[in-house]
Amino acid sequence: MNIQILAIIILAYIVIIGTLNDRLFHIQSDIALIFFSSLLSIALLILRAFFPAEPLQEALGKLGGFGFHEYLMDGMLCFMLFSGASKVNMRKFRTNLQPIFLLAFLTTVISSFLYGGLLYLVALVFYLPLDFWTCVLLGCVVSPTDPIAATGILNKIGLSKNVCSVIENESLFNDGTGVTLFIFVRSIVMRSGQSNIVVLLVKEIFGAAAVALIISFLLFQLVKISRDPIRYILISLLDVSLVYVICEHLGFSGVLASVICGFFFSYNMDKIRHLVAVVDPHGFYHDFWEIIESILNSVLFVMIGFVVLGVTVSPYLFVLVPAALLALIISRAIGVSVSTVMNRNNIPGNYNLPEYVILMTWSALKGGLSLALAVETEAYLPTQTYIIFLNVAFISIFFTVLVQGQTVRRVYYALEDHKAKRKMKANKLSGGDTV
């Protein structure tokens, strides 16, 4: 499909859905985009079933097969991650460093393997065409929380900044863990022999960090001597795109490298804020990345809806829906519990263990990365297994974004109310003891 035609269709979706939502539905904007674009895609599929005209079949086939994986992984993902990381509050990040990294690494690993184990039990009972390592690979697809969904949705629903900081930063870093685990398990599924997880993690993480820090440091010297805010933007675009391409070529984590670039620029732009205030008094640099993030988020959520046009429904769908959702929630809750127990004396937000586990489980939204990883498996998985992967990816995305994303604010306020009552009760008891 011509790129201009595709751009027109996407922009029309965004504008029409946004306008209707503002006037009639008042749903959070990103949730509305994925919900109504998916509904429209399903309506087009129904239309195609009743009116199987060749031009319509061809047009919908092109729209559904536009190359989502290439668009996200080879195109826009690095800019989205850079933008999200560049807005991080460094003070809150340092304060919550330990819980963030425990969630990003330990929770993701535990959730991926536990999800695979639970789904494998279901596969044994219902004779699904999935072996143990294929189930674990599917766990690697759906376990990482999505930074794009997190920054695009959770920031707009009234969560405290401290809680948002933990959720956003975990989402930014656990994508690197998820992609690394995915590569490791994929090598086992494909029997390619690349099975040393320690070597793989060291290569992906430390290689990405080295490339990102070296190139970002060199390019930031140009920022220091520049007096043009537009050049700030161009340098940051060059930095993240160059780092991402080099890391992907060398076999490092381009996802993690993009996050590190964003952190580096955020930290160092803050250090020269007096110069920036003089050179860029209108805030062009920060406004540019805000606008880019908003546009790319909108495009991404509409494109997720487009992919529905190319999805084949698995004959095991009625088993997959409850199994995938239960495994997703249980594995995430246990993963969060383990990492929180290791950091029990420093739980963010003054929550107790059950409150924190509930919040971190229910706020774990999935998004474009899960779908991109699922789409990638078409190259080496049997067709029936690939269809299961794609179905489960959509089930996970739709449930977490449409159900959890819509209700997480109520869950958050219910937990805040429970926390306040718990503290009040504790104060009364301690007061009674002193008397």
Protein backbone atom coordinates (compact mmCIF):
# COMPACT_ATOMS: atom_id res chain seq x y z
CA MET A 1 0.00 0.00 0.00
CA ASN A 2 1.24 3.50 -0.88
CA ILE A 3 2.72 5.14 2.22
CA GLN A 4 0.76 8.36 1.63
CA ILE A 5 -2.53 6.46 1.42
CA LEU A 6 -1.70 4.59 4.62
CA ALA A 7 -0.80 7.88 6.35
CA ILE A 8 -4.10 9.43 5.25
CA ILE A 9 -6.08 6.44 6.57
CA ILE A 10 -4.23 6.52 9.92
CA LEU A 11 -4.69 10.29 10.30
CA ALA A 12 -8.38 9.96 9.41
CA TYR A 13 -8.79 7.25 12.07
CA ILE A 14 -7.05 9.39 14.70
CA VAL A 15 -9.00 12.56 13.90
CA ILE A 16 -12.43 10.93 13.56
CA ILE A 17 -12.08 8.69 16.62
CA GLY A 18 -10.64 11.55 18.69
CA THR A 19 -13.46 13.91 17.71
CA LEU A 20 -16.22 11.36 18.38
CA ASN A 21 -14.63 10.41 21.69
CA ASP A 22 -14.40 14.05 22.82
CA ARG A 23 -18.03 14.68 21.91
CA LEU A 24 -19.71 11.43 22.95
CA PHE A 25 -17.72 8.89 24.92
CA HIS A 26 -15.06 10.74 26.99
CA ILE A 27 -12.80 7.67 27.25
CA GLN A 28 -9.09 8.21 27.87
CA SER A 29 -7.79 9.14 24.40
CA ASP A 30 -5.25 6.35 23.82
CA ILE A 31 -7.69 3.69 25.05
CA ALA A 32 -10.35 5.12 22.73
CA LEU A 33 -7.99 4.87 19.74
CA ILE A 34 -7.17 1.19 20.21
CA PHE A 35 -10.77 0.31 21.12
CA PHE A 36 -12.54 2.04 18.25
CA SER A 37 -9.89 1.27 15.62
CA SER A 38 -10.20 -2.42 16.55
CA LEU A 39 -14.01 -2.22 16.44
CA LEU A 40 -13.85 -0.60 13.01
CA SER A 41 -11.45 -3.30 11.80
CA ILE A 42 -13.81 -6.03 13.06
CA ALA A 43 -16.71 -4.27 11.28
CA LEU A 44 -14.68 -4.26 8.05
CA LEU A 45 -14.00 -8.00 8.47
CA ILE A 46 -17.74 -8.65 8.87
CA LEU A 47 -18.38 -6.53 5.77
CA ARG A 48 -15.79 -8.55 3.85
CA ALA A 49 -17.46 -11.81 4.92
CA PHE A 50 -20.88 -10.71 3.56
CA PHE A 51 -19.54 -8.84 0.49
CA PRO A 52 -16.45 -10.74 -0.68
CA ALA A 53 -15.66 -8.33 -3.52
CA GLU A 54 -12.08 -8.61 -4.77
CA PRO A 55 -11.18 -4.87 -4.41
CA LEU A 56 -12.35 -4.91 -0.77
CA GLN A 57 -10.47 -8.16 -0.06
CA GLU A 58 -7.31 -6.73 -1.60
CA ALA A 59 -7.55 -3.39 0.23
CA LEU A 60 -8.14 -4.99 3.64
CA GLY A 61 -5.36 -7.52 3.01
CA LYS A 62 -2.89 -4.71 2.31
CA LEU A 63 -4.07 -2.74 5.34
CA GLY A 64 -3.75 -5.74 7.66
CA GLY A 65 -0.36 -6.81 6.31
CA PHE A 66 1.47 -3.49 6.31
CA GLY A 67 4.47 -4.76 8.30
CA PHE A 68 3.75 -3.86 11.91
CA HIS A 69 6.93 -5.51 13.22
CA GLU A 70 9.17 -3.52 10.85
CA TYR A 71 7.31 -0.28 11.58
CA LEU A 72 7.71 -0.61 15.33
CA MET A 73 10.99 -2.47 15.85
CA ASP A 74 12.92 -0.97 12.92
CA GLY A 75 11.30 2.44 12.87
CA MET A 76 9.47 4.20 15.64
CA LEU A 77 10.25 2.27 18.84
CA CYS A 78 13.61 3.93 19.53
CA PHE A 79 12.08 7.42 19.33
CA MET A 80 9.20 6.45 21.61
CA LEU A 81 11.57 5.00 24.20
CA PHE A 82 13.92 7.99 24.01
CA SER A 83 11.02 10.37 24.51
CA GLY A 84 9.69 8.43 27.50
CA ALA A 85 13.12 8.17 29.14
CA SER A 86 13.99 11.82 28.50
CA LYS A 87 11.03 12.92 30.66
CA VAL A 88 11.98 10.80 33.67
CA ASN A 89 12.25 12.59 37.00
CA MET A 90 15.83 11.69 37.91
CA ARG A 91 15.33 12.38 41.63
CA LYS A 92 12.40 9.96 41.86
CA PHE A 93 14.26 7.47 39.68
CA ARG A 94 17.24 7.42 42.06
CA THR A 95 14.90 7.15 45.07
CA ASN A 96 13.13 4.11 43.60
CA LEU A 97 16.15 2.57 41.86
CA GLN A 98 16.07 -0.77 43.72
CA PRO A 99 12.35 -1.56 43.29
CA ILE A 100 12.51 -0.45 39.64
CA PHE A 101 15.34 -2.82 38.78
CA LEU A 102 13.88 -5.70 40.76
CA LEU A 103 10.62 -5.30 38.87
CA ALA A 104 12.32 -4.78 35.50
CA PHE A 105 14.63 -7.79 35.72
CA LEU A 106 13.58 -10.30 38.37
CA THR A 107 9.82 -9.91 37.93
CA THR A 108 10.05 -10.15 34.14
CA VAL A 109 12.13 -13.35 34.30
CA ILE A 110 9.87 -14.99 36.91
CA SER A 111 6.69 -13.94 35.10
CA SER A 112 7.90 -15.24 31.74
CA PHE A 113 8.82 -18.70 33.00
CA LEU A 114 5.83 -19.01 35.34
CA TYR A 115 3.45 -17.94 32.56
CA GLY A 116 5.01 -20.58 30.33
CA GLY A 117 4.62 -23.25 33.00
CA LEU A 118 0.97 -22.42 33.63
CA LEU A 119 0.14 -22.33 29.94
CA TYR A 120 1.94 -25.63 29.39
CA LEU A 121 -0.34 -27.27 31.98
CA VAL A 122 -3.33 -25.94 30.04
CA ALA A 123 -1.78 -27.24 26.80
CA LEU A 124 -1.44 -30.72 28.31
CA VAL A 125 -5.06 -30.77 29.50
CA PHE A 126 -6.62 -29.40 26.29
CA TYR A 127 -4.12 -30.85 23.79
CA LEU A 128 -2.90 -27.50 22.51
CA PRO A 129 -0.03 -27.72 19.96
CA LEU A 130 2.47 -26.14 22.39
CA ASP A 131 5.51 -27.66 24.07
CA PHE A 132 7.08 -26.30 27.27
CA TRP A 133 9.66 -23.98 25.67
CA THR A 134 7.13 -22.64 23.18
CA CYS A 135 4.89 -21.75 26.13
CA VAL A 136 7.83 -20.01 27.83
CA LEU A 137 8.52 -18.12 24.58
CA LEU A 138 4.92 -16.92 24.67
CA GLY A 139 5.52 -15.85 28.27
CA CYS A 140 8.47 -13.75 27.06
CA VAL A 141 6.15 -12.11 24.53
CA VAL A 142 3.44 -11.04 26.99
CA SER A 143 5.29 -10.58 30.30
CA PRO A 144 7.11 -7.25 29.70
CA THR A 145 4.99 -4.23 30.49
CA ASP A 146 4.84 -1.67 27.72
CA PRO A 147 6.44 1.78 28.21
CA ILE A 148 4.36 3.29 25.43
CA ALA A 149 1.10 2.18 27.03
CA ALA A 150 2.41 3.23 30.46
CA THR A 151 3.44 6.75 29.44
CA GLY A 152 0.48 7.18 27.12
CA ILE A 153 -2.25 6.06 29.52
CA LEU A 154 -1.16 5.92 33.16
CA ASN A 155 0.19 9.48 33.18
CA LYS A 156 -3.26 10.77 32.26
CA ILE A 157 -5.42 9.06 34.86
CA GLY A 158 -4.31 10.72 38.09
CA LEU A 159 -1.81 8.31 39.67
CA SER A 160 0.70 9.84 42.06
CA LYS A 161 4.03 10.90 40.53
CA ASN A 162 5.92 8.48 42.76
CA VAL A 163 3.82 5.52 41.64
CA CYS A 164 3.99 6.62 37.99
CA SER A 165 7.77 6.89 38.27
CA VAL A 166 8.09 3.24 39.33
CA ILE A 167 5.65 1.99 36.68
CA GLU A 168 7.17 4.02 33.83
CA ASN A 169 10.78 3.24 34.66
CA GLU A 170 10.06 -0.46 35.11
CA SER A 171 8.34 -0.45 31.72
CA LEU A 172 11.29 1.29 30.08
CA PHE A 173 13.86 -1.18 31.39
CA ASN A 174 11.98 -4.47 31.37
CA ASP A 175 11.56 -4.32 27.60
CA GLY A 176 15.31 -4.96 27.35
CA THR A 177 14.96 -7.92 29.71
CA GLY A 178 11.95 -9.24 27.80
CA VAL A 179 13.64 -8.98 24.39
CA THR A 180 16.81 -10.67 25.73
CA LEU A 181 14.78 -13.51 27.27
CA PHE A 182 12.82 -13.80 24.04
CA ILE A 183 16.05 -14.22 22.03
CA PHE A 184 17.37 -16.78 24.52
CA VAL A 185 14.21 -18.92 24.56
CA ARG A 186 13.78 -18.53 20.81
CA SER A 187 17.23 -20.07 20.34
CA ILE A 188 16.10 -23.09 22.38
CA VAL A 189 12.84 -23.40 20.42
CA MET A 190 14.79 -23.19 17.15
CA ARG A 191 17.62 -25.37 18.58
CA SER A 192 20.21 -22.87 17.38
CA GLY A 193 22.49 -23.46 20.39
CA GLN A 194 22.50 -19.85 21.60
CA SER A 195 21.51 -20.89 25.13
CA ASN A 196 23.89 -19.18 27.57
CA ILE A 197 21.58 -16.68 29.23
CA VAL A 198 24.39 -15.07 31.25
CA VAL A 199 26.51 -14.36 28.16
CA LEU A 200 23.42 -13.15 26.30
CA LEU A 201 22.39 -10.78 29.11
CA VAL A 202 25.91 -9.38 29.47
CA LYS A 203 26.19 -8.85 25.73
CA GLU A 204 22.76 -7.28 25.35
CA ILE A 205 22.90 -5.05 28.43
CA PHE A 206 26.52 -3.99 28.74
CA GLY A 207 27.04 -3.73 25.00
CA ALA A 208 23.96 -1.52 24.69
CA ALA A 209 25.05 0.63 27.64
CA ALA A 210 28.58 1.10 26.25
CA VAL A 211 27.42 2.11 22.76
CA ALA A 212 24.68 4.40 24.09
CA LEU A 213 26.91 6.21 26.59
CA ILE A 214 29.87 6.67 24.23
CA ILE A 215 27.88 8.02 21.29
CA SER A 216 25.57 10.10 23.50
CA PHE A 217 28.59 11.64 25.26
CA LEU A 218 30.26 12.56 21.96
CA LEU A 219 27.13 14.01 20.38
CA PHE A 220 26.19 15.92 23.52
CA GLN A 221 29.41 17.93 23.16
CA LEU A 222 27.78 19.42 20.06
CA VAL A 223 24.74 20.37 22.15
CA LYS A 224 26.97 22.26 24.59
CA ILE A 225 28.50 24.45 21.87
CA SER A 226 25.30 24.91 19.88
CA ARG A 227 23.12 28.00 20.08
CA ASP A 228 20.27 26.67 17.97
CA PRO A 229 17.36 24.80 19.64
CA ILE A 230 16.50 23.10 16.34
CA ARG A 231 20.00 21.63 16.32
CA TYR A 232 19.34 20.25 19.82
CA ILE A 233 16.44 18.32 18.33
CA LEU A 234 18.45 17.11 15.33
CA ILE A 235 21.33 15.97 17.55
CA SER A 236 18.99 14.01 19.83
CA LEU A 237 17.32 12.38 16.79
CA LEU A 238 20.72 11.46 15.38
CA ASP A 239 21.86 10.10 18.73
CA VAL A 240 19.01 7.67 19.37
CA SER A 241 18.66 6.48 15.76
CA LEU A 242 22.44 5.95 15.33
CA VAL A 243 22.75 4.12 18.66
CA TYR A 244 19.73 1.91 17.92
CA VAL A 245 21.01 0.89 14.47
CA ILE A 246 24.54 0.15 15.73
CA CYS A 247 23.25 -1.92 18.68
CA GLU A 248 20.87 -3.95 16.55
CA HIS A 249 23.66 -4.59 14.02
CA LEU A 250 26.08 -5.74 16.75
CA GLY A 251 23.50 -7.92 18.51
CA PHE A 252 23.05 -5.61 21.51
CA SER A 253 19.71 -4.43 22.89
CA GLY A 254 18.62 -1.44 20.82
CA VAL A 255 15.58 -1.15 23.09
CA LEU A 256 17.70 -0.72 26.23
CA ALA A 257 20.19 1.53 24.41
CA SER A 258 17.37 3.91 23.40
CA VAL A 259 16.28 4.19 27.03
CA ILE A 260 19.86 4.93 28.15
CA CYS A 261 20.16 7.64 25.47
CA GLY A 262 16.99 9.26 26.79
CA PHE A 263 18.27 9.15 30.37
CA PHE A 264 21.64 10.58 29.31
CA PHE A 265 20.10 13.52 27.46
CA SER A 266 17.59 14.17 30.26
CA TYR A 267 20.31 14.23 32.90
CA ASN A 268 22.71 16.38 30.90
CA MET A 269 20.08 18.80 29.56
CA ASP A 270 19.15 19.42 33.18
CA LYS A 271 22.81 20.16 33.98
CA ILE A 272 22.95 22.88 31.29
CA ARG A 273 19.42 24.16 31.90
CA HIS A 274 20.69 27.77 32.27
CA LEU A 275 22.15 27.62 28.76
CA VAL A 276 18.99 25.95 27.45
CA ALA A 277 16.85 28.67 29.04
CA VAL A 278 18.78 31.28 27.04
CA VAL A 279 19.11 29.37 23.76
CA ASP A 280 15.66 27.75 23.81
CA PRO A 281 13.41 30.10 25.83
CA HIS A 282 10.24 28.77 24.15
CA GLY A 283 11.05 25.14 25.01
CA PHE A 284 11.16 23.87 21.42
CA TYR A 285 13.28 20.84 22.37
CA HIS A 286 10.95 19.56 25.10
CA ASP A 287 7.81 20.45 23.12
CA PHE A 288 9.13 18.56 20.10
CA TRP A 289 9.58 15.31 22.04
CA GLU A 290 6.19 15.75 23.75
CA ILE A 291 4.48 16.18 20.37
CA ILE A 292 6.40 13.32 18.74
CA GLU A 293 5.51 10.98 21.60
CA SER A 294 1.84 11.92 21.41
CA ILE A 295 1.68 11.46 17.63
CA LEU A 296 3.58 8.15 17.62
CA ASN A 297 1.47 6.79 20.49
CA SER A 298 -1.70 7.61 18.56
CA VAL A 299 -0.36 6.03 15.37
CA LEU A 300 0.73 2.92 17.27
CA PHE A 301 -2.65 2.32 18.91
CA VAL A 302 -4.45 2.75 15.58
CA MET A 303 -2.01 0.34 13.89
CA ILE A 304 -2.67 -2.28 16.57
CA GLY A 305 -6.29 -2.05 15.49
CA PHE A 306 -5.25 -2.48 11.83
CA VAL A 307 -3.39 -5.72 12.59
CA VAL A 308 -6.76 -7.24 13.56
CA LEU A 309 -7.53 -7.30 9.82
CA GLY A 310 -4.80 -9.87 9.27
CA VAL A 311 -5.45 -12.10 12.29
CA THR A 312 -6.78 -15.65 11.94
CA VAL A 313 -8.86 -16.80 14.90
CA SER A 314 -7.48 -19.92 16.56
CA PRO A 315 -9.85 -22.89 16.99
CA TYR A 316 -8.62 -22.97 20.62
CA LEU A 317 -9.76 -19.38 21.27
CA PHE A 318 -12.32 -20.28 23.96
CA VAL A 319 -9.59 -22.08 25.91
CA LEU A 320 -6.94 -19.42 25.22
CA VAL A 321 -8.94 -16.43 26.50
CA PRO A 322 -9.40 -17.54 30.15
CA ALA A 323 -6.08 -19.44 30.23
CA ALA A 324 -4.04 -16.53 28.86
CA LEU A 325 -5.63 -13.95 31.16
CA LEU A 326 -5.39 -16.07 34.32
CA ALA A 327 -1.77 -17.00 33.56
CA LEU A 328 -0.96 -13.34 32.85
CA ILE A 329 -2.37 -12.07 36.16
CA ILE A 330 -1.07 -14.95 38.32
CA SER A 331 2.46 -14.89 36.88
CA ARG A 332 2.70 -11.12 37.17
CA ALA A 333 1.40 -11.11 40.75
CA ILE A 334 3.86 -13.80 41.85
CA GLY A 335 6.74 -12.10 40.04
CA VAL A 336 5.94 -8.76 41.73
CA SER A 337 5.57 -10.52 45.11
CA VAL A 338 9.01 -12.13 44.90
CA SER A 339 10.79 -8.92 43.91
CA THR A 340 8.90 -6.93 46.56
CA VAL A 341 9.75 -9.39 49.34
CA MET A 342 13.41 -8.80 48.49
CA ASN A 343 12.80 -5.06 48.96
CA ARG A 344 10.19 -5.25 51.72
CA ASN A 345 11.65 -2.39 53.79
CA ASN A 346 11.59 0.04 50.87
CA ILE A 347 8.20 -0.41 49.18
CA PRO A 348 7.35 2.77 47.19
CA GLY A 349 4.32 4.79 48.23
CA ASN A 350 4.26 3.40 51.80
CA TYR A 351 2.12 0.48 50.66
CA ASN A 352 2.12 -2.86 52.41
CA LEU A 353 2.97 -5.97 50.39
CA PRO A 354 -0.58 -6.95 49.23
CA GLU A 355 -1.47 -3.35 48.27
CA TYR A 356 1.72 -2.93 46.25
CA VAL A 357 1.35 -6.29 44.50
CA ILE A 358 -2.24 -5.49 43.50
CA LEU A 359 -1.27 -2.06 42.13
CA MET A 360 1.80 -3.26 40.22
CA THR A 361 -0.15 -6.23 38.81
CA TRP A 362 -3.17 -4.24 37.68
CA SER A 363 -1.13 -1.36 36.21
CA ALA A 364 1.00 -3.71 34.05
CA LEU A 365 -0.27 -2.80 30.60
CA LYS A 366 0.84 -4.59 27.43
CA GLY A 367 1.22 -2.97 24.04
CA GLY A 368 3.03 -2.78 20.74
CA LEU A 369 6.20 -4.63 21.76
CA SER A 370 4.26 -7.79 22.66
CA LEU A 371 2.49 -7.70 19.32
CA ALA A 372 5.73 -7.08 17.40
CA LEU A 373 7.44 -10.05 19.09
CA ALA A 374 4.43 -12.25 18.39
CA VAL A 375 4.39 -11.23 14.71
CA GLU A 376 8.12 -12.04 14.45
CA THR A 377 7.48 -15.71 15.34
CA GLU A 378 5.72 -16.30 12.01
CA ALA A 379 9.12 -16.97 10.42
CA TYR A 380 9.94 -20.09 12.47
CA LEU A 381 6.82 -21.40 14.23
CA PRO A 382 4.24 -23.74 12.68
CA THR A 383 1.22 -21.85 11.33
CA GLN A 384 -1.18 -23.13 14.01
CA THR A 385 1.25 -22.19 16.80
CA TYR A 386 1.86 -18.75 15.28
CA ILE A 387 -1.89 -18.12 15.20
CA ILE A 388 -2.04 -18.98 18.92
CA PHE A 389 0.80 -16.52 19.62
CA LEU A 390 -0.96 -13.74 17.72
CA ASN A 391 -4.31 -14.46 19.38
CA VAL A 392 -2.77 -14.48 22.87
CA ALA A 393 -0.88 -11.24 22.16
CA PHE A 394 -4.14 -9.52 21.19
CA ILE A 395 -6.01 -10.99 24.16
CA SER A 396 -3.32 -9.67 26.52
CA ILE A 397 -3.15 -6.22 24.91
CA PHE A 398 -6.90 -5.70 24.75
CA PHE A 399 -7.53 -6.91 28.28
CA THR A 400 -4.74 -4.89 29.90
CA VAL A 401 -5.37 -1.70 27.93
CA LEU A 402 -9.16 -1.74 27.72
CA VAL A 403 -10.02 -3.35 31.08
CA GLN A 404 -7.04 -2.66 33.33
CA GLY A 405 -6.28 0.71 31.73
CA GLN A 406 -9.87 1.83 32.23
CA THR A 407 -10.13 0.63 35.84
CA VAL A 408 -6.62 1.17 37.24
CA ARG A 409 -7.55 4.62 38.56
CA ARG A 410 -10.37 3.10 40.63
CA VAL A 411 -8.03 0.37 41.87
CA TYR A 412 -5.44 3.01 42.78
CA TYR A 413 -7.92 5.14 44.75
CA ALA A 414 -9.36 2.06 46.48
CA LEU A 415 -5.84 1.09 47.56
CA GLU A 416 -5.13 4.65 48.72
CA ASP A 417 -8.32 4.55 50.78
CA HIS A 418 -7.36 1.17 52.22
CA LYS A 419 -3.88 2.47 53.03
CA ALA A 420 -5.30 5.53 54.81
CA LYS A 421 -7.67 3.38 56.90
CA ARG A 422 -4.84 0.97 57.73
CA LYS A 423 -2.65 3.83 58.92
CA MET A 424 -5.49 5.34 60.93
CA LYS A 425 -6.13 2.00 62.60
CA ALA A 426 -2.42 1.59 63.34
CA ASN A 427 -2.28 5.09 64.85
CA LYS A 428 -5.24 4.32 67.10
CA LEU A 429 -3.68 1.10 68.27
CA SER A 430 -0.35 2.76 68.98
CA GLY A 431 -2.15 5.57 70.79
CA GLY A 432 -4.06 3.05 72.93
CA ASP A 433 -0.82 1.29 73.80
CA THR A 434 0.78 4.49 75.07
CA VAL A 435 -2.22 5.20 77.28
